PDB file of N, CA and C in Angstrom:
ATOM      1  N   MET A   1       0.842  -1.176   0.000  1.00  0.00           N
ATOM      2  CA  MET A   1       0.000   0.000   0.000  1.00  0.00           C
ATOM      3  C   MET A   1       0.891   1.244   0.000  1.00  0.00           C
ATOM      4  N   PRO A   2       0.706   2.142  -0.947  1.00  0.00           N
ATOM      5  CA  PRO A   2       1.551   3.344  -0.985  1.00  0.00           C
ATOM      6  C   PRO A   2       1.194   4.316   0.155  1.00  0.00           C
ATOM      7  N   THR A   3       2.106   5.243   0.402  1.00  0.00           N
ATOM      8  CA  THR A   3       1.801   6.278   1.383  1.00  0.00           C
ATOM      9  C   THR A   3       0.630   7.102   0.858  1.00  0.00           C
ATOM     10  N   ILE A   4      -0.079   7.730   1.768  1.00  0.00           N
ATOM     11  CA  ILE A   4      -1.194   8.586   1.371  1.00  0.00           C
ATOM     12  C   ILE A   4      -0.861  10.030   1.698  1.00  0.00           C
ATOM     13  N   THR A   5      -1.449  10.947   0.963  1.00  0.00           N
ATOM     14  CA  THR A   5      -1.276  12.364   1.242  1.00  0.00           C
ATOM     15  C   THR A   5      -2.468  12.815   2.057  1.00  0.00           C
ATOM     16  N   VAL A   6      -2.187  13.485   3.155  1.00  0.00           N
ATOM     17  CA  VAL A   6      -3.258  13.977   4.019  1.00  0.00           C
ATOM     18  C   VAL A   6      -3.233  15.496   3.982  1.00  0.00           C
ATOM     19  N   ASP A   7      -4.414  16.100   4.075  1.00  0.00           N
ATOM     20  CA  ASP A   7      -4.489  17.556   4.080  1.00  0.00           C
ATOM     21  C   ASP A   7      -5.132  18.024   5.374  1.00  0.00           C
ATOM     22  N   GLY A   8      -5.217  19.312   5.544  1.00  0.00           N
ATOM     23  CA  GLY A   8      -5.772  19.874   6.769  1.00  0.00           C
ATOM     24  C   GLY A   8      -7.183  19.410   7.065  1.00  0.00           C
ATOM     25  N   PRO A   9      -8.117  19.558   6.119  1.00  0.00           N
ATOM     26  CA  PRO A   9      -9.492  19.145   6.382  1.00  0.00           C
ATOM     27  C   PRO A   9      -9.639  17.640   6.616  1.00  0.00           C
ATOM     28  N   GLY A  10      -8.795  16.835   5.989  1.00  0.00           N
ATOM     29  CA  GLY A  10      -8.901  15.387   6.145  1.00  0.00           C
ATOM     30  C   GLY A  10      -8.087  14.819   7.284  1.00  0.00           C
ATOM     31  N   PHE A  11      -7.322  15.664   7.974  1.00  0.00           N
ATOM     32  CA  PHE A  11      -6.422  15.184   9.020  1.00  0.00           C
ATOM     33  C   PHE A  11      -7.176  14.480  10.141  1.00  0.00           C
ATOM     34  N   GLU A  12      -8.268  15.074  10.580  1.00  0.00           N
ATOM     35  CA  GLU A  12      -9.018  14.475  11.687  1.00  0.00           C
ATOM     36  C   GLU A  12      -9.524  13.083  11.322  1.00  0.00           C
ATOM     37  N   GLN A  13     -10.139  12.974  10.156  1.00  0.00           N
ATOM     38  CA  GLN A  13     -10.697  11.686   9.742  1.00  0.00           C
ATOM     39  C   GLN A  13      -9.603  10.665   9.445  1.00  0.00           C
ATOM     40  N   THR A  14      -8.593  11.072   8.679  1.00  0.00           N
ATOM     41  CA  THR A  14      -7.558  10.151   8.222  1.00  0.00           C
ATOM     42  C   THR A  14      -6.584   9.750   9.319  1.00  0.00           C
ATOM     43  N   VAL A  15      -6.273  10.669  10.222  1.00  0.00           N
ATOM     44  CA  VAL A  15      -5.251  10.404  11.238  1.00  0.00           C
ATOM     45  C   VAL A  15      -5.856  10.233  12.632  1.00  0.00           C
ATOM     46  N   LEU A  16      -6.561  11.238  13.099  1.00  0.00           N
ATOM     47  CA  LEU A  16      -7.044  11.213  14.480  1.00  0.00           C
ATOM     48  C   LEU A  16      -8.149  10.191  14.720  1.00  0.00           C
ATOM     49  N   ASN A  17      -8.992   9.964  13.718  1.00  0.00           N
ATOM     50  CA  ASN A  17     -10.090   9.005  13.872  1.00  0.00           C
ATOM     51  C   ASN A  17      -9.823   7.685  13.159  1.00  0.00           C
ATOM     52  N   ALA A  18      -8.581   7.436  12.791  1.00  0.00           N
ATOM     53  CA  ALA A  18      -8.231   6.202  12.077  1.00  0.00           C
ATOM     54  C   ALA A  18      -8.461   4.990  12.985  1.00  0.00           C
ATOM     55  N   PRO A  19      -8.852   3.863  12.398  1.00  0.00           N
ATOM     56  CA  PRO A  19      -9.083   2.664  13.197  1.00  0.00           C
ATOM     57  C   PRO A  19      -7.802   2.014  13.715  1.00  0.00           C
ATOM     58  N   GLY A  20      -6.657   2.410  13.170  1.00  0.00           N
ATOM     59  CA  GLY A  20      -5.373   1.859  13.605  1.00  0.00           C
ATOM     60  C   GLY A  20      -4.313   2.940  13.625  1.00  0.00           C
ATOM     61  N   PRO A  21      -3.071   2.562  13.913  1.00  0.00           N
ATOM     62  CA  PRO A  21      -1.978   3.534  13.971  1.00  0.00           C
ATOM     63  C   PRO A  21      -1.705   4.177  12.614  1.00  0.00           C
ATOM     64  N   VAL A  22      -1.329   5.458  12.659  1.00  0.00           N
ATOM     65  CA  VAL A  22      -0.982   6.209  11.457  1.00  0.00           C
ATOM     66  C   VAL A  22       0.336   6.936  11.712  1.00  0.00           C
ATOM     67  N   LEU A  23       1.302   6.708  10.836  1.00  0.00           N
ATOM     68  CA  LEU A  23       2.564   7.430  10.896  1.00  0.00           C
ATOM     69  C   LEU A  23       2.446   8.621   9.954  1.00  0.00           C
ATOM     70  N   VAL A  24       2.609   9.828  10.496  1.00  0.00           N
ATOM     71  CA  VAL A  24       2.529  11.037   9.680  1.00  0.00           C
ATOM     72  C   VAL A  24       3.935  11.584   9.476  1.00  0.00           C
ATOM     73  N   ASP A  25       4.288  11.749   8.212  1.00  0.00           N
ATOM     74  CA  ASP A  25       5.554  12.368   7.821  1.00  0.00           C
ATOM     75  C   ASP A  25       5.275  13.842   7.566  1.00  0.00           C
ATOM     76  N   PHE A  26       5.679  14.693   8.498  1.00  0.00           N
ATOM     77  CA  PHE A  26       5.564  16.146   8.321  1.00  0.00           C
ATOM     78  C   PHE A  26       6.774  16.567   7.493  1.00  0.00           C
ATOM     79  N   TRP A  27       6.540  17.109   6.302  1.00  0.00           N
ATOM     80  CA  TRP A  27       7.612  17.383   5.353  1.00  0.00           C
ATOM     81  C   TRP A  27       7.325  18.673   4.595  1.00  0.00           C
ATOM     82  N   ALA A  28       8.281  19.061   3.732  1.00  0.00           N
ATOM     83  CA  ALA A  28       8.103  20.209   2.831  1.00  0.00           C
ATOM     84  C   ALA A  28       8.868  19.925   1.543  1.00  0.00           C
ATOM     85  N   GLU A  29       8.401  20.515   0.466  1.00  0.00           N
ATOM     86  CA  GLU A  29       8.992  20.296  -0.856  1.00  0.00           C
ATOM     87  C   GLU A  29      10.466  20.718  -0.907  1.00  0.00           C
ATOM     88  N   TRP A  30      10.838  21.767  -0.190  1.00  0.00           N
ATOM     89  CA  TRP A  30      12.199  22.307  -0.226  1.00  0.00           C
ATOM     90  C   TRP A  30      13.179  21.523   0.660  1.00  0.00           C
ATOM     91  N   CYS A  31      12.689  20.560   1.407  1.00  0.00           N
ATOM     92  CA  CYS A  31      13.497  19.834   2.397  1.00  0.00           C
ATOM     93  C   CYS A  31      14.197  18.622   1.769  1.00  0.00           C
ATOM     94  N   GLY A  32      15.508  18.706   1.612  1.00  0.00           N
ATOM     95  CA  GLY A  32      16.289  17.612   1.043  1.00  0.00           C
ATOM     96  C   GLY A  32      16.188  16.314   1.838  1.00  0.00           C
ATOM     97  N   PRO A  33      16.384  16.356   3.167  1.00  0.00           N
ATOM     98  CA  PRO A  33      16.257  15.127   3.949  1.00  0.00           C
ATOM     99  C   PRO A  33      14.860  14.497   3.859  1.00  0.00           C
ATOM    100  N   CYS A  34      13.836  15.332   3.688  1.00  0.00           N
ATOM    101  CA  CYS A  34      12.472  14.807   3.534  1.00  0.00           C
ATOM    102  C   CYS A  34      12.379  13.962   2.270  1.00  0.00           C
ATOM    103  N   LYS A  35      12.978  14.463   1.199  1.00  0.00           N
ATOM    104  CA  LYS A  35      12.977  13.720  -0.065  1.00  0.00           C
ATOM    105  C   LYS A  35      13.828  12.458   0.050  1.00  0.00           C
ATOM    106  N   GLN A  36      14.863  12.537   0.865  1.00  0.00           N
ATOM    107  CA  GLN A  36      15.771  11.408   1.044  1.00  0.00           C
ATOM    108  C   GLN A  36      15.067  10.210   1.692  1.00  0.00           C
ATOM    109  N   ILE A  37      14.192  10.437   2.653  1.00  0.00           N
ATOM    110  CA  ILE A  37      13.535   9.310   3.336  1.00  0.00           C
ATOM    111  C   ILE A  37      12.248   8.853   2.651  1.00  0.00           C
ATOM    112  N   ALA A  38      11.779   9.605   1.670  1.00  0.00           N
ATOM    113  CA  ALA A  38      10.515   9.259   1.010  1.00  0.00           C
ATOM    114  C   ALA A  38      10.501   7.838   0.438  1.00  0.00           C
ATOM    115  N   PRO A  39      11.551   7.381  -0.267  1.00  0.00           N
ATOM    116  CA  PRO A  39      11.511   6.002  -0.789  1.00  0.00           C
ATOM    117  C   PRO A  39      11.420   4.948   0.324  1.00  0.00           C
ATOM    118  N   ALA A  40      12.115   5.176   1.430  1.00  0.00           N
ATOM    119  CA  ALA A  40      12.058   4.225   2.551  1.00  0.00           C
ATOM    120  C   ALA A  40      10.649   4.171   3.135  1.00  0.00           C
ATOM    121  N   LEU A  41       9.996   5.327   3.231  1.00  0.00           N
ATOM    122  CA  LEU A  41       8.634   5.348   3.756  1.00  0.00           C
ATOM    123  C   LEU A  41       7.664   4.631   2.814  1.00  0.00           C
ATOM    124  N   GLU A  42       7.886   4.778   1.508  1.00  0.00           N
ATOM    125  CA  GLU A  42       7.054   4.061   0.534  1.00  0.00           C
ATOM    126  C   GLU A  42       7.209   2.546   0.719  1.00  0.00           C
ATOM    127  N   GLU A  43       8.445   2.104   0.851  1.00  0.00           N
ATOM    128  CA  GLU A  43       8.697   0.673   1.044  1.00  0.00           C
ATOM    129  C   GLU A  43       8.093   0.176   2.353  1.00  0.00           C
ATOM    130  N   LEU A  44       8.265   0.935   3.411  1.00  0.00           N
ATOM    131  CA  LEU A  44       7.716   0.533   4.709  1.00  0.00           C
ATOM    132  C   LEU A  44       6.190   0.515   4.686  1.00  0.00           C
ATOM    133  N   SER A  45       5.611   1.411   3.917  1.00  0.00           N
ATOM    134  CA  SER A  45       4.157   1.439   3.810  1.00  0.00           C
ATOM    135  C   SER A  45       3.639   0.118   3.255  1.00  0.00           C
ATOM    136  N   SER A  46       4.332  -0.431   2.278  1.00  0.00           N
ATOM    137  CA  SER A  46       3.946  -1.729   1.711  1.00  0.00           C
ATOM    138  C   SER A  46       4.262  -2.866   2.671  1.00  0.00           C
ATOM    139  N   GLU A  47       5.452  -2.828   3.257  1.00  0.00           N
ATOM    140  CA  GLU A  47       5.880  -3.902   4.159  1.00  0.00           C
ATOM    141  C   GLU A  47       5.025  -3.989   5.419  1.00  0.00           C
ATOM    142  N   LEU A  48       4.547  -2.851   5.892  1.00  0.00           N
ATOM    143  CA  LEU A  48       3.793  -2.816   7.147  1.00  0.00           C
ATOM    144  C   LEU A  48       2.292  -2.624   6.939  1.00  0.00           C
ATOM    145  N   ALA A  49       1.839  -2.854   5.712  1.00  0.00           N
ATOM    146  CA  ALA A  49       0.410  -2.725   5.415  1.00  0.00           C
ATOM    147  C   ALA A  49      -0.385  -3.614   6.365  1.00  0.00           C
ATOM    148  N   GLY A  50      -1.454  -3.057   6.909  1.00  0.00           N
ATOM    149  CA  GLY A  50      -2.256  -3.779   7.879  1.00  0.00           C
ATOM    150  C   GLY A  50      -1.855  -3.501   9.319  1.00  0.00           C
ATOM    151  N   ARG A  51      -0.615  -3.056   9.525  1.00  0.00           N
ATOM    152  CA  ARG A  51      -0.148  -2.714  10.875  1.00  0.00           C
ATOM    153  C   ARG A  51      -0.160  -1.211  11.118  1.00  0.00           C
ATOM    154  N   VAL A  52       0.160  -0.441  10.053  1.00  0.00           N
ATOM    155  CA  VAL A  52       0.232   1.013  10.175  1.00  0.00           C
ATOM    156  C   VAL A  52      -0.031   1.635   8.802  1.00  0.00           C
ATOM    157  N   THR A  53      -0.687   2.769   8.819  1.00  0.00           N
ATOM    158  CA  THR A  53      -0.870   3.566   7.605  1.00  0.00           C
ATOM    159  C   THR A  53       0.180   4.663   7.634  1.00  0.00           C
ATOM    160  N   ILE A  54       0.842   4.898   6.504  1.00  0.00           N
ATOM    161  CA  ILE A  54       1.845   5.957   6.444  1.00  0.00           C
ATOM    162  C   ILE A  54       1.302   7.089   5.577  1.00  0.00           C
ATOM    163  N   ALA A  55       1.249   8.276   6.181  1.00  0.00           N
ATOM    164  CA  ALA A  55       0.687   9.456   5.518  1.00  0.00           C
ATOM    165  C   ALA A  55       1.724  10.568   5.481  1.00  0.00           C
ATOM    166  N   LYS A  56       1.602  11.439   4.479  1.00  0.00           N
ATOM    167  CA  LYS A  56       2.501  12.583   4.334  1.00  0.00           C
ATOM    168  C   LYS A  56       1.678  13.858   4.420  1.00  0.00           C
ATOM    169  N   LEU A  57       2.188  14.830   5.177  1.00  0.00           N
ATOM    170  CA  LEU A  57       1.519  16.116   5.302  1.00  0.00           C
ATOM    171  C   LEU A  57       2.539  17.222   5.046  1.00  0.00           C
ATOM    172  N   ASN A  58       2.283  18.027   4.015  1.00  0.00           N
ATOM    173  CA  ASN A  58       3.173  19.125   3.651  1.00  0.00           C
ATOM    174  C   ASN A  58       2.911  20.303   4.596  1.00  0.00           C
ATOM    175  N   ILE A  59       3.911  20.655   5.399  1.00  0.00           N
ATOM    176  CA  ILE A  59       3.718  21.714   6.398  1.00  0.00           C
ATOM    177  C   ILE A  59       3.583  23.097   5.772  1.00  0.00           C
ATOM    178  N   ASP A  60       4.094  23.275   4.557  1.00  0.00           N
ATOM    179  CA  ASP A  60       3.921  24.571   3.884  1.00  0.00           C
ATOM    180  C   ASP A  60       2.470  24.768   3.467  1.00  0.00           C
ATOM    181  N   ASP A  61       1.797  23.690   3.126  1.00  0.00           N
ATOM    182  CA  ASP A  61       0.393  23.767   2.742  1.00  0.00           C
ATOM    183  C   ASP A  61      -0.543  23.815   3.946  1.00  0.00           C
ATOM    184  N   HIS A  62      -0.066  23.332   5.093  1.00  0.00           N
ATOM    185  CA  HIS A  62      -0.908  23.254   6.296  1.00  0.00           C
ATOM    186  C   HIS A  62      -0.132  23.702   7.536  1.00  0.00           C
ATOM    187  N   PRO A  63       0.271  24.982   7.567  1.00  0.00           N
ATOM    188  CA  PRO A  63       1.076  25.470   8.693  1.00  0.00           C
ATOM    189  C   PRO A  63       0.350  25.378  10.032  1.00  0.00           C
ATOM    190  N   GLU A  64      -0.977  25.415  10.010  1.00  0.00           N
ATOM    191  CA  GLU A  64      -1.724  25.329  11.269  1.00  0.00           C
ATOM    192  C   GLU A  64      -1.484  23.986  11.971  1.00  0.00           C
ATOM    193  N   LEU A  65      -1.304  22.920  11.199  1.00  0.00           N
ATOM    194  CA  LEU A  65      -1.022  21.615  11.804  1.00  0.00           C
ATOM    195  C   LEU A  65       0.420  21.531  12.290  1.00  0.00           C
ATOM    196  N   ALA A  66       1.324  22.208  11.596  1.00  0.00           N
ATOM    197  CA  ALA A  66       2.713  22.263  12.059  1.00  0.00           C
ATOM    198  C   ALA A  66       2.787  22.962  13.411  1.00  0.00           C
ATOM    199  N   VAL A  67       2.019  24.028  13.565  1.00  0.00           N
ATOM    200  CA  VAL A  67       1.983  24.755  14.843  1.00  0.00           C
ATOM    201  C   VAL A  67       1.316  23.884  15.910  1.00  0.00           C
ATOM    202  N   ARG A  68       0.200  23.277  15.558  1.00  0.00           N
ATOM    203  CA  ARG A  68      -0.564  22.449  16.510  1.00  0.00           C
ATOM    204  C   ARG A  68       0.279  21.320  17.094  1.00  0.00           C
ATOM    205  N   TYR A  69       1.144  20.718  16.260  1.00  0.00           N
ATOM    206  CA  TYR A  69       1.964  19.598  16.722  1.00  0.00           C
ATOM    207  C   TYR A  69       3.418  19.990  16.981  1.00  0.00           C
ATOM    208  N   ASN A  70       3.667  21.296  17.084  1.00  0.00           N
ATOM    209  CA  ASN A  70       4.963  21.826  17.497  1.00  0.00           C
ATOM    210  C   ASN A  70       6.106  21.302  16.626  1.00  0.00           C
ATOM    211  N   ILE A  71       5.893  21.341  15.314  1.00  0.00           N
ATOM    212  CA  ILE A  71       6.912  20.874  14.376  1.00  0.00           C
ATOM    213  C   ILE A  71       7.953  21.975  14.230  1.00  0.00           C
ATOM    214  N   ARG A  72       9.156  21.705  14.691  1.00  0.00           N
ATOM    215  CA  ARG A  72      10.233  22.695  14.647  1.00  0.00           C
ATOM    216  C   ARG A  72      11.336  22.306  13.683  1.00  0.00           C
ATOM    217  N   SER A  73      11.376  21.031  13.317  1.00  0.00           N
ATOM    218  CA  SER A  73      12.404  20.524  12.419  1.00  0.00           C
ATOM    219  C   SER A  73      11.776  19.415  11.578  1.00  0.00           C
ATOM    220  N   ILE A  74      12.172  19.359  10.310  1.00  0.00           N
ATOM    221  CA  ILE A  74      11.646  18.313   9.441  1.00  0.00           C
ATOM    222  C   ILE A  74      12.788  17.594   8.752  1.00  0.00           C
ATOM    223  N   PRO A  75      12.593  16.356   8.345  1.00  0.00           N
ATOM    224  CA  PRO A  75      11.374  15.592   8.484  1.00  0.00           C
ATOM    225  C   PRO A  75      11.108  15.217   9.945  1.00  0.00           C
ATOM    226  N   MET A  76       9.843  15.264  10.290  1.00  0.00           N
ATOM    227  CA  MET A  76       9.390  14.886  11.628  1.00  0.00           C
ATOM    228  C   MET A  76       8.338  13.809  11.430  1.00  0.00           C
ATOM    229  N   LEU A  77       8.580  12.660  11.998  1.00  0.00           N
ATOM    230  CA  LEU A  77       7.650  11.548  11.905  1.00  0.00           C
ATOM    231  C   LEU A  77       6.930  11.407  13.231  1.00  0.00           C
ATOM    232  N   ALA A  78       5.609  11.363  13.174  1.00  0.00           N
ATOM    233  CA  ALA A  78       4.804  11.219  14.386  1.00  0.00           C
ATOM    234  C   ALA A  78       3.881  10.032  14.218  1.00  0.00           C
ATOM    235  N   LEU A  79       3.956   9.108  15.156  1.00  0.00           N
ATOM    236  CA  LEU A  79       3.088   7.936  15.141  1.00  0.00           C
ATOM    237  C   LEU A  79       1.873   8.230  16.008  1.00  0.00           C
ATOM    238  N   PHE A  80       0.718   8.305  15.358  1.00  0.00           N
ATOM    239  CA  PHE A  80      -0.541   8.562  16.040  1.00  0.00           C
ATOM    240  C   PHE A  80      -1.260   7.248  16.289  1.00  0.00           C
ATOM    241  N   ASP A  81      -1.879   7.141  17.442  1.00  0.00           N
ATOM    242  CA  ASP A  81      -2.714   5.988  17.751  1.00  0.00           C
ATOM    243  C   ASP A  81      -3.868   6.471  18.611  1.00  0.00           C
ATOM    244  N   ARG A  82      -5.076   6.198  18.157  1.00  0.00           N
ATOM    245  CA  ARG A  82      -6.304   6.617  18.856  1.00  0.00           C
ATOM    246  C   ARG A  82      -6.343   8.124  19.100  1.00  0.00           C
ATOM    247  N   GLY A  83      -5.868   8.878  18.118  1.00  0.00           N
ATOM    248  CA  GLY A  83      -5.991  10.322  18.179  1.00  0.00           C
ATOM    249  C   GLY A  83      -4.882  11.075  18.865  1.00  0.00           C
ATOM    250  N   SER A  84      -3.898  10.374  19.401  1.00  0.00           N
ATOM    251  CA  SER A  84      -2.809  11.100  20.055  1.00  0.00           C
ATOM    252  C   SER A  84      -1.458  10.580  19.572  1.00  0.00           C
ATOM    253  N   VAL A  85      -0.433  11.413  19.769  1.00  0.00           N
ATOM    254  CA  VAL A  85       0.918  11.057  19.348  1.00  0.00           C
ATOM    255  C   VAL A  85       1.498  10.061  20.344  1.00  0.00           C
ATOM    256  N   LYS A  86       1.897   8.913  19.818  1.00  0.00           N
ATOM    257  CA  LYS A  86       2.458   7.847  20.643  1.00  0.00           C
ATOM    258  C   LYS A  86       3.987   7.893  20.664  1.00  0.00           C
ATOM    259  N   SER A  87       4.583   8.302  19.522  1.00  0.00           N
ATOM    260  CA  SER A  87       6.043   8.333  19.415  1.00  0.00           C
ATOM    261  C   SER A  87       6.429   9.274  18.274  1.00  0.00           C
ATOM    262  N   THR A  88       7.623   9.867  18.360  1.00  0.00           N
ATOM    263  CA  THR A  88       8.109  10.749  17.296  1.00  0.00           C
ATOM    264  C   THR A  88       9.567  10.437  16.968  1.00  0.00           C
ATOM    265  N   LYS A  89       9.953  10.833  15.778  1.00  0.00           N
ATOM    266  CA  LYS A  89      11.345  10.689  15.340  1.00  0.00           C
ATOM    267  C   LYS A  89      11.630  11.848  14.387  1.00  0.00           C
ATOM    268  N   VAL A  90      12.740  12.520  14.585  1.00  0.00           N
ATOM    269  CA  VAL A  90      13.113  13.662  13.755  1.00  0.00           C
ATOM    270  C   VAL A  90      14.372  13.322  12.978  1.00  0.00           C
ATOM    271  N   GLY A  91      14.360  13.681  11.700  1.00  0.00           N
ATOM    272  CA  GLY A  91      15.555  13.519  10.888  1.00  0.00           C
ATOM    273  C   GLY A  91      15.406  12.455   9.823  1.00  0.00           C
ATOM    274  N   ALA A  92      16.415  12.389   8.967  1.00  0.00           N
ATOM    275  CA  ALA A  92      16.437  11.424   7.866  1.00  0.00           C
ATOM    276  C   ALA A  92      17.180  10.176   8.328  1.00  0.00           C
ATOM    277  N   TRP A  93      16.442   9.191   8.742  1.00  0.00           N
ATOM    278  CA  TRP A  93      17.004   7.936   9.232  1.00  0.00           C
ATOM    279  C   TRP A  93      16.976   6.895   8.120  1.00  0.00           C
ATOM    280  N   PRO A  94      17.918   5.953   8.114  1.00  0.00           N
ATOM    281  CA  PRO A  94      17.864   4.889   7.122  1.00  0.00           C
ATOM    282  C   PRO A  94      16.655   3.982   7.366  1.00  0.00           C
ATOM    283  N   LYS A  95      16.267   3.283   6.326  1.00  0.00           N
ATOM    284  CA  LYS A  95      15.077   2.435   6.394  1.00  0.00           C
ATOM    285  C   LYS A  95      15.134   1.452   7.564  1.00  0.00           C
ATOM    286  N   GLY A  96      16.270   0.818   7.780  1.00  0.00           N
ATOM    287  CA  GLY A  96      16.397  -0.154   8.868  1.00  0.00           C
ATOM    288  C   GLY A  96      16.110   0.468  10.230  1.00  0.00           C
ATOM    289  N   ALA A  97      16.619   1.663  10.447  1.00  0.00           N
ATOM    290  CA  ALA A  97      16.385   2.352  11.725  1.00  0.00           C
ATOM    291  C   ALA A  97      14.925   2.743  11.864  1.00  0.00           C
ATOM    292  N   LEU A  98      14.307   3.174  10.765  1.00  0.00           N
ATOM    293  CA  LEU A  98      12.887   3.516  10.810  1.00  0.00           C
ATOM    294  C   LEU A  98      12.048   2.282  11.099  1.00  0.00           C
ATOM    295  N   ARG A  99      12.388   1.174  10.474  1.00  0.00           N
ATOM    296  CA  ARG A  99      11.653  -0.071  10.696  1.00  0.00           C
ATOM    297  C   ARG A  99      11.790  -0.529  12.149  1.00  0.00           C
ATOM    298  N   GLU A 100      12.982  -0.449  12.676  1.00  0.00           N
ATOM    299  CA  GLU A 100      13.216  -0.849  14.066  1.00  0.00           C
ATOM    300  C   GLU A 100      12.403   0.025  15.019  1.00  0.00           C
ATOM    301  N   TRP A 101      12.412   1.338  14.782  1.00  0.00           N
ATOM    302  CA  TRP A 101      11.636   2.266  15.611  1.00  0.00           C
ATOM    303  C   TRP A 101      10.149   1.937  15.529  1.00  0.00           C
ATOM    304  N   LEU A 102       9.644   1.740  14.315  1.00  0.00           N
ATOM    305  CA  LEU A 102       8.222   1.436  14.144  1.00  0.00           C
ATOM    306  C   LEU A 102       7.849   0.105  14.784  1.00  0.00           C
ATOM    307  N   ASP A 103       8.672  -0.912  14.588  1.00  0.00           N
ATOM    308  CA  ASP A 103       8.389  -2.220  15.206  1.00  0.00           C
ATOM    309  C   ASP A 103       8.285  -2.084  16.718  1.00  0.00           C
ATOM    310  N   GLY A 104       9.190  -1.317  17.317  1.00  0.00           N
ATOM    311  CA  GLY A 104       9.144  -1.109  18.757  1.00  0.00           C
ATOM    312  C   GLY A 104       7.946  -0.307  19.201  1.00  0.00           C
ATOM    313  N   ALA A 105       7.617   0.740  18.447  1.00  0.00           N
ATOM    314  CA  ALA A 105       6.503   1.608  18.806  1.00  0.00           C
ATOM    315  C   ALA A 105       5.146   0.925  18.590  1.00  0.00           C
ATOM    316  N   LEU A 106       5.081   0.045  17.590  1.00  0.00           N
ATOM    317  CA  LEU A 106       3.821  -0.639  17.305  1.00  0.00           C
ATOM    318  C   LEU A 106       3.596  -1.833  18.229  1.00  0.00           C
ATOM    319  N   GLY A 107       4.685  -2.314  18.830  1.00  0.00           N
ATOM    320  CA  GLY A 107       4.576  -3.421  19.773  1.00  0.00           C
ATOM    321  C   GLY A 107       4.399  -4.774  19.168  1.00  0.00           C
TER     322      GLY A 107
END
């Protein structure tokens, strides 16, 4: 399953009211490290289908959500479960490190 793009109006339904965990990649088009981790997130989205949904939210298009979740550095990955942030990770991490973090956070 590929990553999904989430927007401001759909954030509540897609992320906060999701039936399972959702990993949100807070990113921006101008961010090199954000582009660097995008392929790993695509692969993880397929590998972890059924366990977690991976979504991308462009902070330039939705600055109100960046403020709401105190995004100060990107890429910022936030794992939401039942409407709240369960775990976060900042920076461009290799796929293996992201997988290890997600496996631990998902339990």
